[in-house]
Amino acid sequence: MKRLILLLSIFLSIQCMAQNAEETEVKACIDKLFKAMQLGDSSMAKSCFNPSARLQTAIVNPKTKKTILENEPIDSFLVQISSIKKNKIVIEERVIKYDIKIDYPLSSVWADYEFYVNEKLSHIGVDAFQLFKSESGWKIIQICDTKRRK
């Protein structure tokens, strides 16, 4: 019985270490995207996405109070990123908290954030990421975010 408990403990420890390694890789992919945005590096940002990725923003119209789901092509997002460096804008997306869930090869990440432009708080919200792990590693397949004033 002691041997069974020991084997079970070892197995659970290995599973926990593997899960933590995967969480670290998922977080690294997201952090790489935010770093690319900050640097205005659209090539670096593009490397974070799966070719089929999509971007969406869920907002509430302040005038009508109706909810809207906006879609943005990845290419448009990459153009915006490249304009950051050209226009000498300083941006920073600060993640307050990550909640990472993984059921290999799929990951879902809920990230509360604050977004700064030229060191001034612009807006806050949540990024809801979906990532897929292929032979090339974890890649973002979808981001749906919210944006609101504090």
N, C-alpha and C. Protein backbone atom coordinates (compact mmCIF):
# COMPACT_ATOMS: atom_id res chain seq x y z
N MET A 1 0.82 -1.19 0.00
CA MET A 1 0.00 0.00 0.00
C MET A 1 0.87 1.27 0.00
N LYS A 2 1.94 1.27 0.80
CA LYS A 2 2.85 2.41 0.84
C LYS A 2 3.48 2.64 -0.54
N ARG A 3 3.80 1.53 -1.19
CA ARG A 3 4.40 1.64 -2.52
C ARG A 3 3.41 2.27 -3.52
N LEU A 4 2.16 1.90 -3.45
CA LEU A 4 1.13 2.46 -4.32
C LEU A 4 0.96 3.96 -4.06
N ILE A 5 0.94 4.34 -2.82
CA ILE A 5 0.82 5.76 -2.46
C ILE A 5 2.03 6.54 -2.96
N LEU A 6 3.22 5.96 -2.82
CA LEU A 6 4.44 6.61 -3.30
C LEU A 6 4.40 6.79 -4.82
N LEU A 7 4.02 5.75 -5.54
CA LEU A 7 3.92 5.83 -7.00
C LEU A 7 2.89 6.86 -7.44
N LEU A 8 1.76 6.89 -6.76
CA LEU A 8 0.72 7.85 -7.07
C LEU A 8 1.22 9.28 -6.81
N SER A 9 1.94 9.48 -5.72
CA SER A 9 2.51 10.80 -5.40
C SER A 9 3.50 11.24 -6.46
N ILE A 10 4.35 10.33 -6.91
CA ILE A 10 5.33 10.65 -7.95
C ILE A 10 4.61 11.02 -9.25
N PHE A 11 3.61 10.23 -9.62
CA PHE A 11 2.85 10.48 -10.84
C PHE A 11 2.18 11.85 -10.79
N LEU A 12 1.55 12.17 -9.68
CA LEU A 12 0.88 13.46 -9.54
C LEU A 12 1.87 14.62 -9.59
N SER A 13 3.05 14.44 -9.01
CA SER A 13 4.08 15.47 -9.04
C SER A 13 4.55 15.74 -10.46
N ILE A 14 4.74 14.66 -11.23
CA ILE A 14 5.17 14.79 -12.63
C ILE A 14 4.09 15.50 -13.43
N GLN A 15 2.82 15.14 -13.22
CA GLN A 15 1.72 15.78 -13.92
C GLN A 15 1.67 17.28 -13.60
N CYS A 16 1.86 17.61 -12.34
CA CYS A 16 1.83 19.00 -11.91
C CYS A 16 2.97 19.79 -12.54
N MET A 17 4.17 19.21 -12.60
CA MET A 17 5.31 19.89 -13.22
C MET A 17 5.07 20.10 -14.71
N ALA A 18 4.49 19.11 -15.39
CA ALA A 18 4.19 19.23 -16.81
C ALA A 18 3.16 20.33 -17.04
N GLN A 19 2.14 20.39 -16.20
CA GLN A 19 1.11 21.43 -16.32
C GLN A 19 1.73 22.80 -16.11
N ASN A 20 2.61 22.94 -15.11
CA ASN A 20 3.26 24.23 -14.86
C ASN A 20 4.14 24.65 -16.03
N ALA A 21 4.83 23.69 -16.67
CA ALA A 21 5.67 24.00 -17.83
C ALA A 21 4.80 24.48 -18.99
N GLU A 22 3.67 23.84 -19.21
CA GLU A 22 2.75 24.26 -20.28
C GLU A 22 2.20 25.65 -19.99
N GLU A 23 1.83 25.92 -18.75
CA GLU A 23 1.32 27.24 -18.37
C GLU A 23 2.39 28.31 -18.63
N THR A 24 3.64 28.00 -18.33
CA THR A 24 4.73 28.93 -18.57
C THR A 24 4.87 29.22 -20.06
N GLU A 25 4.73 28.18 -20.90
CA GLU A 25 4.83 28.37 -22.35
C GLU A 25 3.66 29.20 -22.88
N VAL A 26 2.47 28.94 -22.39
CA VAL A 26 1.29 29.70 -22.81
C VAL A 26 1.47 31.18 -22.45
N LYS A 27 1.87 31.43 -21.21
CA LYS A 27 2.07 32.80 -20.75
C LYS A 27 3.18 33.48 -21.56
N ALA A 28 4.22 32.73 -21.91
CA ALA A 28 5.32 33.30 -22.69
C ALA A 28 4.85 33.75 -24.07
N CYS A 29 3.95 33.00 -24.68
CA CYS A 29 3.39 33.38 -25.98
C CYS A 29 2.63 34.70 -25.88
N ILE A 30 1.81 34.82 -24.86
CA ILE A 30 1.03 36.05 -24.67
C ILE A 30 1.95 37.22 -24.33
N ASP A 31 2.91 37.00 -23.45
CA ASP A 31 3.87 38.06 -23.10
C ASP A 31 4.67 38.51 -24.32
N LYS A 32 5.00 37.56 -25.21
CA LYS A 32 5.72 37.89 -26.44
C LYS A 32 4.87 38.82 -27.31
N LEU A 33 3.57 38.56 -27.40
CA LEU A 33 2.69 39.44 -28.17
C LEU A 33 2.70 40.85 -27.57
N PHE A 34 2.57 40.96 -26.26
CA PHE A 34 2.56 42.28 -25.62
C PHE A 34 3.89 43.00 -25.81
N LYS A 35 4.99 42.27 -25.77
CA LYS A 35 6.31 42.87 -25.99
C LYS A 35 6.42 43.37 -27.43
N ALA A 36 5.91 42.56 -28.39
CA ALA A 36 5.93 42.96 -29.79
C ALA A 36 5.11 44.24 -30.00
N MET A 37 3.97 44.32 -29.33
CA MET A 37 3.14 45.52 -29.42
C MET A 37 3.91 46.73 -28.89
N GLN A 38 4.56 46.55 -27.76
CA GLN A 38 5.30 47.65 -27.13
C GLN A 38 6.45 48.12 -28.03
N LEU A 39 7.10 47.15 -28.70
CA LEU A 39 8.23 47.48 -29.57
C LEU A 39 7.79 47.96 -30.96
N GLY A 40 6.51 47.78 -31.28
CA GLY A 40 6.04 48.11 -32.62
C GLY A 40 6.55 47.12 -33.66
N ASP A 41 6.78 45.87 -33.24
CA ASP A 41 7.36 44.84 -34.09
C ASP A 41 6.26 43.91 -34.61
N SER A 42 5.75 44.20 -35.80
CA SER A 42 4.64 43.42 -36.35
C SER A 42 5.05 42.00 -36.73
N SER A 43 6.30 41.79 -37.12
CA SER A 43 6.78 40.44 -37.45
C SER A 43 6.79 39.56 -36.21
N MET A 44 7.27 40.11 -35.12
CA MET A 44 7.29 39.38 -33.85
C MET A 44 5.86 39.07 -33.42
N ALA A 45 4.97 40.03 -33.56
CA ALA A 45 3.57 39.82 -33.18
C ALA A 45 2.94 38.72 -34.04
N LYS A 46 3.19 38.78 -35.35
CA LYS A 46 2.61 37.79 -36.26
C LYS A 46 3.03 36.37 -35.89
N SER A 47 4.23 36.21 -35.37
CA SER A 47 4.73 34.89 -35.00
C SER A 47 3.97 34.28 -33.82
N CYS A 48 3.19 35.07 -33.12
CA CYS A 48 2.42 34.60 -31.97
C CYS A 48 1.08 33.99 -32.39
N PHE A 49 0.67 34.23 -33.63
CA PHE A 49 -0.66 33.83 -34.09
C PHE A 49 -0.63 32.60 -34.99
N ASN A 50 -1.64 31.77 -34.85
CA ASN A 50 -1.94 30.71 -35.80
C ASN A 50 -2.49 31.39 -37.05
N PRO A 51 -2.24 30.87 -38.25
CA PRO A 51 -2.74 31.52 -39.47
C PRO A 51 -4.27 31.73 -39.50
N SER A 52 -5.02 30.92 -38.77
CA SER A 52 -6.48 31.06 -38.79
C SER A 52 -7.01 31.95 -37.66
N ALA A 53 -6.13 32.64 -36.96
CA ALA A 53 -6.52 33.42 -35.78
C ALA A 53 -7.49 34.54 -36.13
N ARG A 54 -8.29 34.92 -35.11
CA ARG A 54 -9.19 36.06 -35.27
C ARG A 54 -9.18 36.91 -34.01
N LEU A 55 -9.50 38.19 -34.22
CA LEU A 55 -9.55 39.16 -33.13
C LEU A 55 -10.95 39.74 -33.04
N GLN A 56 -11.45 39.84 -31.81
CA GLN A 56 -12.76 40.42 -31.59
C GLN A 56 -12.73 41.30 -30.35
N THR A 57 -13.59 42.29 -30.34
CA THR A 57 -13.75 43.16 -29.17
C THR A 57 -15.23 43.21 -28.83
N ALA A 58 -15.54 42.95 -27.58
CA ALA A 58 -16.92 43.03 -27.08
C ALA A 58 -17.04 44.32 -26.28
N ILE A 59 -17.90 45.23 -26.75
CA ILE A 59 -18.05 46.52 -26.09
C ILE A 59 -19.52 46.85 -25.88
N VAL A 60 -19.74 47.81 -25.02
CA VAL A 60 -21.08 48.35 -24.81
C VAL A 60 -21.05 49.79 -25.34
N ASN A 61 -21.94 50.08 -26.28
CA ASN A 61 -22.03 51.43 -26.82
C ASN A 61 -22.46 52.36 -25.69
N PRO A 62 -21.65 53.39 -25.37
CA PRO A 62 -21.99 54.25 -24.22
C PRO A 62 -23.28 55.04 -24.40
N LYS A 63 -23.65 55.32 -25.66
CA LYS A 63 -24.87 56.10 -25.91
C LYS A 63 -26.12 55.22 -25.89
N THR A 64 -26.08 54.11 -26.61
CA THR A 64 -27.28 53.27 -26.74
C THR A 64 -27.35 52.16 -25.69
N LYS A 65 -26.23 51.89 -25.04
CA LYS A 65 -26.10 50.81 -24.04
C LYS A 65 -26.26 49.42 -24.66
N LYS A 66 -26.19 49.34 -25.99
CA LYS A 66 -26.29 48.04 -26.67
C LYS A 66 -24.90 47.44 -26.78
N THR A 67 -24.85 46.10 -26.72
CA THR A 67 -23.57 45.41 -26.86
C THR A 67 -23.25 45.22 -28.33
N ILE A 68 -21.96 45.30 -28.62
CA ILE A 68 -21.46 45.18 -29.99
C ILE A 68 -20.27 44.22 -29.97
N LEU A 69 -20.21 43.35 -30.98
CA LEU A 69 -19.05 42.48 -31.15
C LEU A 69 -18.36 42.91 -32.44
N GLU A 70 -17.18 43.51 -32.29
CA GLU A 70 -16.41 43.98 -33.44
C GLU A 70 -15.37 42.95 -33.83
N ASN A 71 -15.19 42.75 -35.14
CA ASN A 71 -14.16 41.86 -35.67
C ASN A 71 -13.07 42.69 -36.32
N GLU A 72 -11.82 42.28 -36.12
CA GLU A 72 -10.69 42.97 -36.72
C GLU A 72 -9.78 41.95 -37.38
N PRO A 73 -9.46 42.14 -38.65
CA PRO A 73 -8.52 41.23 -39.31
C PRO A 73 -7.13 41.32 -38.67
N ILE A 74 -6.45 40.19 -38.61
CA ILE A 74 -5.10 40.16 -38.04
C ILE A 74 -4.19 41.14 -38.78
N ASP A 75 -4.30 41.21 -40.12
CA ASP A 75 -3.44 42.11 -40.89
C ASP A 75 -3.63 43.57 -40.48
N SER A 76 -4.85 43.98 -40.18
CA SER A 76 -5.10 45.36 -39.72
C SER A 76 -4.44 45.60 -38.37
N PHE A 77 -4.54 44.60 -37.50
CA PHE A 77 -3.92 44.69 -36.17
C PHE A 77 -2.40 44.83 -36.31
N LEU A 78 -1.81 44.07 -37.23
CA LEU A 78 -0.36 44.12 -37.44
C LEU A 78 0.06 45.48 -38.00
N VAL A 79 -0.75 46.09 -38.85
CA VAL A 79 -0.46 47.42 -39.36
C VAL A 79 -0.47 48.43 -38.21
N GLN A 80 -1.44 48.29 -37.31
CA GLN A 80 -1.50 49.18 -36.14
C GLN A 80 -0.24 49.04 -35.30
N ILE A 81 0.21 47.81 -35.11
CA ILE A 81 1.43 47.57 -34.32
C ILE A 81 2.63 48.24 -34.98
N SER A 82 2.77 48.08 -36.29
CA SER A 82 3.92 48.68 -36.98
C SER A 82 3.87 50.21 -36.93
N SER A 83 2.68 50.80 -36.80
CA SER A 83 2.58 52.26 -36.74
C SER A 83 3.01 52.82 -35.38
N ILE A 84 3.06 51.98 -34.38
CA ILE A 84 3.47 52.43 -33.05
C ILE A 84 4.88 53.00 -33.08
N LYS A 85 5.79 52.26 -33.71
CA LYS A 85 7.18 52.71 -33.78
C LYS A 85 7.30 53.95 -34.67
N LYS A 86 6.60 53.94 -35.82
CA LYS A 86 6.66 55.07 -36.75
C LYS A 86 6.18 56.36 -36.11
N ASN A 87 5.12 56.27 -35.32
CA ASN A 87 4.52 57.46 -34.70
C ASN A 87 5.11 57.79 -33.33
N LYS A 88 6.11 57.03 -32.93
CA LYS A 88 6.80 57.25 -31.66
C LYS A 88 5.84 57.27 -30.47
N ILE A 89 4.90 56.34 -30.50
CA ILE A 89 3.95 56.18 -29.40
C ILE A 89 4.50 55.11 -28.46
N VAL A 90 4.33 55.33 -27.18
CA VAL A 90 4.75 54.35 -26.19
C VAL A 90 3.50 53.70 -25.63
N ILE A 91 3.37 52.39 -25.85
CA ILE A 91 2.23 51.67 -25.28
C ILE A 91 2.71 50.57 -24.36
N GLU A 92 1.85 50.22 -23.44
CA GLU A 92 2.14 49.11 -22.54
C GLU A 92 0.83 48.49 -22.07
N GLU A 93 0.71 47.20 -22.28
CA GLU A 93 -0.45 46.48 -21.77
C GLU A 93 0.04 45.70 -20.55
N ARG A 94 -0.47 46.07 -19.40
CA ARG A 94 -0.06 45.44 -18.14
C ARG A 94 -1.11 44.44 -17.70
N VAL A 95 -0.71 43.18 -17.64
CA VAL A 95 -1.64 42.15 -17.18
C VAL A 95 -1.62 42.15 -15.66
N ILE A 96 -2.80 42.28 -15.08
CA ILE A 96 -2.95 42.31 -13.63
C ILE A 96 -3.00 40.89 -13.09
N LYS A 97 -3.65 40.01 -13.85
CA LYS A 97 -3.81 38.63 -13.37
C LYS A 97 -4.07 37.71 -14.56
N TYR A 98 -3.37 36.58 -14.57
CA TYR A 98 -3.60 35.53 -15.56
C TYR A 98 -4.38 34.40 -14.90
N ASP A 99 -5.38 33.87 -15.61
CA ASP A 99 -6.06 32.64 -15.21
C ASP A 99 -5.94 31.70 -16.40
N ILE A 100 -5.02 30.73 -16.30
CA ILE A 100 -4.68 29.85 -17.41
C ILE A 100 -5.29 28.47 -17.18
N LYS A 101 -6.00 28.00 -18.18
CA LYS A 101 -6.58 26.65 -18.17
C LYS A 101 -6.05 25.91 -19.38
N ILE A 102 -5.65 24.66 -19.19
CA ILE A 102 -5.10 23.87 -20.29
C ILE A 102 -5.72 22.48 -20.29
N ASP A 103 -6.19 22.09 -21.46
CA ASP A 103 -6.54 20.70 -21.74
C ASP A 103 -5.85 20.41 -23.06
N TYR A 104 -4.64 19.92 -22.95
CA TYR A 104 -3.74 19.75 -24.09
C TYR A 104 -4.49 19.21 -25.30
N PRO A 105 -4.41 19.84 -26.45
CA PRO A 105 -3.57 20.93 -26.93
C PRO A 105 -4.26 22.29 -26.96
N LEU A 106 -5.25 22.49 -26.12
CA LEU A 106 -6.01 23.74 -26.10
C LEU A 106 -5.79 24.46 -24.78
N SER A 107 -5.66 25.77 -24.86
CA SER A 107 -5.54 26.58 -23.65
C SER A 107 -6.49 27.77 -23.73
N SER A 108 -7.04 28.13 -22.60
CA SER A 108 -7.90 29.30 -22.48
C SER A 108 -7.30 30.17 -21.38
N VAL A 109 -7.15 31.44 -21.68
CA VAL A 109 -6.52 32.36 -20.73
C VAL A 109 -7.41 33.59 -20.57
N TRP A 110 -7.73 33.90 -19.33
CA TRP A 110 -8.48 35.10 -18.98
C TRP A 110 -7.46 36.03 -18.34
N ALA A 111 -7.26 37.22 -18.92
CA ALA A 111 -6.23 38.13 -18.42
C ALA A 111 -6.81 39.52 -18.21
N ASP A 112 -6.91 39.93 -16.95
CA ASP A 112 -7.31 41.30 -16.63
C ASP A 112 -6.13 42.21 -16.95
N TYR A 113 -6.41 43.35 -17.61
CA TYR A 113 -5.31 44.21 -18.01
C TYR A 113 -5.63 45.69 -17.82
N GLU A 114 -4.54 46.47 -17.85
CA GLU A 114 -4.60 47.93 -17.94
C GLU A 114 -3.76 48.31 -19.16
N PHE A 115 -4.26 49.25 -19.96
CA PHE A 115 -3.57 49.65 -21.18
C PHE A 115 -3.14 51.12 -21.06
N TYR A 116 -1.84 51.34 -21.26
CA TYR A 116 -1.26 52.68 -21.13
C TYR A 116 -0.76 53.18 -22.48
N VAL A 117 -1.01 54.45 -22.77
CA VAL A 117 -0.47 55.12 -23.95
C VAL A 117 0.31 56.31 -23.45
N ASN A 118 1.60 56.35 -23.82
CA ASN A 118 2.51 57.40 -23.34
C ASN A 118 2.43 57.56 -21.82
N GLU A 119 2.44 56.42 -21.14
CA GLU A 119 2.45 56.29 -19.68
C GLU A 119 1.16 56.76 -19.00
N LYS A 120 0.13 57.04 -19.78
CA LYS A 120 -1.16 57.46 -19.22
C LYS A 120 -2.17 56.33 -19.43
N LEU A 121 -2.92 56.00 -18.37
CA LEU A 121 -3.92 54.94 -18.47
C LEU A 121 -4.96 55.31 -19.52
N SER A 122 -5.11 54.46 -20.51
CA SER A 122 -6.08 54.67 -21.59
C SER A 122 -7.40 53.95 -21.29
N HIS A 123 -7.28 52.66 -20.93
CA HIS A 123 -8.47 51.86 -20.64
C HIS A 123 -8.08 50.59 -19.91
N ILE A 124 -9.07 49.88 -19.43
CA ILE A 124 -8.88 48.59 -18.76
C ILE A 124 -9.81 47.59 -19.41
N GLY A 125 -9.64 46.33 -19.07
CA GLY A 125 -10.53 45.31 -19.61
C GLY A 125 -10.01 43.92 -19.33
N VAL A 126 -10.52 43.01 -20.15
CA VAL A 126 -10.13 41.61 -20.06
C VAL A 126 -9.78 41.13 -21.47
N ASP A 127 -8.69 40.38 -21.56
CA ASP A 127 -8.35 39.66 -22.79
C ASP A 127 -8.70 38.20 -22.55
N ALA A 128 -9.52 37.64 -23.43
CA ALA A 128 -9.84 36.21 -23.37
C ALA A 128 -9.13 35.56 -24.55
N PHE A 129 -8.06 34.83 -24.26
CA PHE A 129 -7.24 34.18 -25.28
C PHE A 129 -7.63 32.72 -25.42
N GLN A 130 -7.57 32.23 -26.65
CA GLN A 130 -7.62 30.80 -26.94
C GLN A 130 -6.32 30.50 -27.68
N LEU A 131 -5.61 29.47 -27.21
CA LEU A 131 -4.37 29.08 -27.85
C LEU A 131 -4.42 27.60 -28.20
N PHE A 132 -3.67 27.25 -29.24
CA PHE A 132 -3.58 25.87 -29.71
C PHE A 132 -2.11 25.51 -29.80
N LYS A 133 -1.76 24.29 -29.35
CA LYS A 133 -0.37 23.86 -29.43
C LYS A 133 -0.21 22.88 -30.57
N SER A 134 0.61 23.29 -31.54
CA SER A 134 0.95 22.42 -32.67
C SER A 134 2.44 22.11 -32.58
N GLU A 135 2.99 21.55 -33.66
CA GLU A 135 4.42 21.25 -33.68
C GLU A 135 5.27 22.51 -33.52
N SER A 136 4.72 23.66 -33.89
CA SER A 136 5.48 24.91 -33.78
C SER A 136 5.27 25.61 -32.44
N GLY A 137 4.59 24.95 -31.50
CA GLY A 137 4.40 25.51 -30.17
C GLY A 137 3.03 26.13 -30.00
N TRP A 138 2.85 26.83 -28.88
CA TRP A 138 1.58 27.47 -28.57
C TRP A 138 1.42 28.70 -29.45
N LYS A 139 0.26 28.80 -30.11
CA LYS A 139 -0.08 29.94 -30.96
C LYS A 139 -1.49 30.41 -30.62
N ILE A 140 -1.70 31.70 -30.69
CA ILE A 140 -3.01 32.28 -30.41
C ILE A 140 -3.94 32.01 -31.58
N ILE A 141 -5.12 31.45 -31.28
CA ILE A 141 -6.11 31.22 -32.33
C ILE A 141 -7.26 32.21 -32.23
N GLN A 142 -7.40 32.84 -31.06
CA GLN A 142 -8.44 33.86 -30.92
C GLN A 142 -8.14 34.74 -29.71
N ILE A 143 -8.45 36.02 -29.88
CA ILE A 143 -8.48 36.95 -28.75
C ILE A 143 -9.81 37.68 -28.83
N CYS A 144 -10.52 37.68 -27.74
CA CYS A 144 -11.71 38.53 -27.62
C CYS A 144 -11.47 39.38 -26.38
N ASP A 145 -11.54 40.68 -26.54
CA ASP A 145 -11.25 41.55 -25.41
C ASP A 145 -12.40 42.51 -25.14
N THR A 146 -12.33 43.11 -23.97
CA THR A 146 -13.24 44.19 -23.60
C THR A 146 -12.39 45.43 -23.36
N LYS A 147 -13.02 46.58 -23.51
CA LYS A 147 -12.35 47.85 -23.26
C LYS A 147 -13.34 48.76 -22.54
N ARG A 148 -12.88 49.35 -21.46
CA ARG A 148 -13.73 50.29 -20.76
C ARG A 148 -12.86 51.30 -20.00
N ARG A 149 -13.45 52.43 -19.75
CA ARG A 149 -12.76 53.43 -18.92
C ARG A 149 -12.83 52.97 -17.48
N LYS A 150 -11.84 53.34 -16.70
CA LYS A 150 -11.80 52.90 -15.30
C LYS A 150 -12.92 53.51 -14.51
